[in-house]
Amino acid sequence: VIQKCIELLPTNHIGFIVDALLGQTVRMAKHPYACRVIQRLIEYCSSAQISLLLDDTLQYCLELATDQYGNYVVQYVMEHSSRPGDRQTLMQTVRDNILSLSCHKYASNVIEKAVGCGTSEERALLVQAVMGGPDEQNPPLLTMIKDKFGNYIIQRVIGVSQGPHREALFAKL
């Protein structure tokens, strides 16, 4: 019912829903039904109207990414937020935590979304994060390829990598 209200009512009439979630974003994002309400708000409301909700999601993105339902909220922010910098902040967090997130059942979905909705420059940076530094003895790639969730991320990264990044990725394999 709440999702339908968000979809059908003018956004200036659903502020009470946003207000009810304030201060509870993380808890609600981890709930099987409330996470869908948050997704609808991200989809239908202006970034200004849900700014505090977006702030909470970004602040706790690692915790939410590893949650069964919270990962969907992080994916929605990555794909639908119109607020400048939100996707870039999440992409940086993904790059900084590429190994742990890729090898996690739920967080690997966030990595997959990052690979799918990133710009070509962001994808290239993700490929570099997967390959690790030039002097890195044990790059994330080697652990990810042996992991049941990380392996799937490697396949996706291979599918989107291009040019010198693709060649470097195959050289590391």
Protein backbone atom coordinates (compact mmCIF):
# COMPACT_ATOMS: atom_id res chain seq x y z
CA VAL A 1 0.00 0.00 0.00
CA ILE A 2 2.80 2.41 0.92
CA GLN A 3 4.61 1.63 -2.33
CA LYS A 4 1.46 2.42 -4.32
CA CYS A 5 1.09 5.73 -2.45
CA ILE A 6 4.63 6.63 -3.46
CA GLU A 7 3.98 5.64 -7.07
CA LEU A 8 0.60 7.37 -7.45
CA LEU A 9 0.57 10.42 -5.18
CA PRO A 10 2.37 13.63 -6.08
CA THR A 11 5.73 13.66 -4.32
CA ASN A 12 4.80 16.75 -2.33
CA HIS A 13 2.10 14.62 -0.62
CA ILE A 14 4.36 11.77 0.54
CA GLY A 15 6.68 13.70 2.82
CA PHE A 16 5.11 11.92 5.80
CA ILE A 17 6.54 8.63 4.51
CA VAL A 18 10.02 10.11 4.22
CA ASP A 19 9.68 11.65 7.69
CA ALA A 20 8.68 8.27 9.17
CA LEU A 21 11.92 6.72 7.87
CA LEU A 22 14.29 9.43 9.09
CA GLY A 23 16.73 8.12 11.65
CA GLN A 24 15.72 4.55 10.80
CA THR A 25 17.09 4.21 7.29
CA VAL A 26 19.53 1.40 8.07
CA ARG A 27 17.01 -0.63 10.06
CA MET A 28 14.33 -0.17 7.41
CA ALA A 29 16.73 -0.93 4.54
CA LYS A 30 17.36 -4.32 6.15
CA HIS A 31 13.65 -5.16 6.34
CA PRO A 32 12.16 -7.27 3.52
CA TYR A 33 9.21 -4.90 2.93
CA ALA A 34 10.61 -1.57 4.07
CA CYS A 35 13.58 -1.90 1.70
CA ARG A 36 11.07 -1.81 -1.16
CA VAL A 37 9.54 1.38 0.22
CA ILE A 38 12.98 3.01 0.29
CA GLN A 39 13.60 1.86 -3.28
CA ARG A 40 10.34 3.47 -4.42
CA LEU A 41 11.29 6.72 -2.65
CA ILE A 42 14.66 6.73 -4.43
CA GLU A 43 12.89 6.07 -7.71
CA TYR A 44 10.10 8.66 -7.42
CA CYS A 45 11.33 11.47 -5.13
CA SER A 46 13.77 14.24 -5.83
CA SER A 47 17.18 13.88 -4.24
CA ALA A 48 16.49 16.99 -2.17
CA GLN A 49 13.36 15.41 -0.69
CA ILE A 50 15.21 12.25 0.41
CA SER A 51 18.62 13.79 1.05
CA LEU A 52 18.90 12.51 4.64
CA LEU A 53 17.89 9.02 3.55
CA LEU A 54 20.59 9.09 0.85
CA ASP A 55 23.14 10.37 3.38
CA ASP A 56 22.39 7.46 5.73
CA THR A 57 22.63 4.97 2.89
CA LEU A 58 26.04 6.31 1.85
CA GLN A 59 27.30 6.44 5.44
CA TYR A 60 26.34 2.81 6.11
CA CYS A 61 26.79 1.46 2.59
CA LEU A 62 29.22 -1.32 3.60
CA GLU A 63 26.85 -2.58 6.28
CA LEU A 64 23.89 -2.40 3.91
CA ALA A 65 25.78 -3.96 1.00
CA THR A 66 26.35 -7.12 3.02
CA ASP A 67 22.72 -7.41 4.08
CA GLN A 68 20.17 -9.65 2.40
CA TYR A 69 17.82 -6.70 1.73
CA GLY A 70 20.04 -3.68 2.30
CA ASN A 71 22.13 -4.49 -0.76
CA TYR A 72 19.13 -3.68 -2.95
CA VAL A 73 18.90 -0.19 -1.45
CA VAL A 74 22.60 0.42 -2.15
CA GLN A 75 22.11 -0.78 -5.73
CA TYR A 76 19.14 1.56 -6.13
CA VAL A 77 21.13 4.57 -4.93
CA MET A 78 23.93 3.62 -7.32
CA GLU A 79 21.58 3.39 -10.27
CA HIS A 80 18.85 5.95 -9.56
CA SER A 81 20.16 8.74 -7.34
CA SER A 82 20.21 12.01 -9.21
CA ARG A 83 22.22 13.75 -6.50
CA PRO A 84 25.70 14.65 -7.75
CA GLY A 85 28.43 12.50 -6.26
CA ASP A 86 26.32 9.66 -4.83
CA ARG A 87 27.29 7.07 -7.45
CA GLN A 88 30.90 8.20 -7.39
CA THR A 89 31.03 7.84 -3.59
CA LEU A 90 29.64 4.31 -3.84
CA MET A 91 32.02 3.45 -6.68
CA GLN A 92 34.98 4.59 -4.56
CA THR A 93 33.77 2.45 -1.65
CA VAL A 94 33.39 -0.50 -4.01
CA ARG A 95 36.94 -0.05 -5.32
CA ASP A 96 38.36 0.31 -1.82
CA ASN A 97 36.64 -2.90 -0.69
CA ILE A 98 36.58 -4.87 -3.94
CA LEU A 99 37.81 -8.16 -2.49
CA SER A 100 35.61 -8.41 0.60
CA LEU A 101 32.50 -7.23 -1.25
CA SER A 102 33.05 -9.45 -4.29
CA CYS A 103 33.40 -12.56 -2.15
CA HIS A 104 30.21 -11.90 -0.17
CA LYS A 105 26.88 -13.44 -1.19
CA TYR A 106 24.87 -10.21 -1.06
CA ALA A 107 27.55 -7.57 -1.55
CA SER A 108 28.64 -9.21 -4.80
CA ASN A 109 25.30 -8.01 -6.23
CA VAL A 110 26.37 -4.45 -5.47
CA ILE A 111 29.67 -5.05 -7.30
CA GLU A 112 27.78 -6.45 -10.26
CA LYS A 113 25.58 -3.33 -10.33
CA ALA A 114 28.70 -1.13 -10.19
CA VAL A 115 30.17 -2.99 -13.16
CA GLY A 116 26.89 -2.72 -15.05
CA CYS A 117 26.01 0.92 -14.45
CA GLY A 118 29.44 2.51 -14.23
CA THR A 119 30.85 4.76 -16.91
CA SER A 120 33.71 3.39 -19.00
CA GLU A 121 36.17 5.30 -16.78
CA GLU A 122 34.59 3.87 -13.61
CA ARG A 123 34.71 0.36 -15.08
CA ALA A 124 38.39 0.82 -15.92
CA LEU A 125 39.04 1.82 -12.29
CA LEU A 126 37.14 -1.26 -11.11
CA VAL A 127 39.29 -3.46 -13.37
CA GLN A 128 42.41 -1.85 -11.88
CA ALA A 129 41.10 -2.49 -8.35
CA VAL A 130 40.51 -6.15 -9.21
CA MET A 131 44.02 -6.50 -10.69
CA GLY A 132 45.69 -4.78 -7.73
CA GLY A 133 48.87 -2.77 -7.86
CA PRO A 134 51.82 -3.70 -10.10
CA ASP A 135 53.92 -4.88 -7.15
CA GLU A 136 51.08 -6.57 -5.29
CA GLN A 137 52.01 -10.20 -4.53
CA ASN A 138 48.45 -11.39 -3.93
CA PRO A 139 46.08 -9.19 -5.98
CA PRO A 140 42.30 -9.44 -5.37
CA LEU A 141 41.95 -11.19 -8.73
CA LEU A 142 43.69 -14.36 -7.49
CA THR A 143 41.42 -14.72 -4.46
CA MET A 144 38.26 -13.72 -6.32
CA ILE A 145 38.78 -16.26 -9.10
CA LYS A 146 38.69 -19.08 -6.51
CA ASP A 147 35.61 -17.78 -4.70
CA LYS A 148 32.08 -18.83 -5.68
CA PHE A 149 30.81 -15.22 -5.67
CA GLY A 150 34.05 -13.49 -6.64
CA ASN A 151 34.43 -15.77 -9.67
CA TYR A 152 31.18 -14.45 -11.08
CA ILE A 153 32.41 -10.87 -10.63
CA ILE A 154 35.60 -11.75 -12.52
CA GLN A 155 33.48 -13.07 -15.39
CA ARG A 156 31.47 -9.82 -15.47
CA VAL A 157 34.63 -7.70 -15.34
CA ILE A 158 36.13 -9.67 -18.24
CA GLY A 159 32.91 -9.12 -20.17
CA VAL A 160 33.05 -5.33 -19.84
CA SER A 161 36.80 -4.66 -19.90
CA GLN A 162 38.27 -3.25 -23.09
CA GLY A 163 41.60 -2.53 -24.71
CA PRO A 164 44.70 -2.38 -22.52
CA HIS A 165 42.71 -3.08 -19.36
CA ARG A 166 41.39 -6.31 -20.84
CA GLU A 167 44.88 -7.34 -21.95
CA ALA A 168 46.32 -6.57 -18.51
CA LEU A 169 43.55 -8.57 -16.87
CA PHE A 170 44.27 -11.62 -19.04
CA ALA A 171 48.01 -11.24 -18.39
CA LYS A 172 47.36 -11.43 -14.62
CA LEU A 173 45.24 -14.55 -15.08
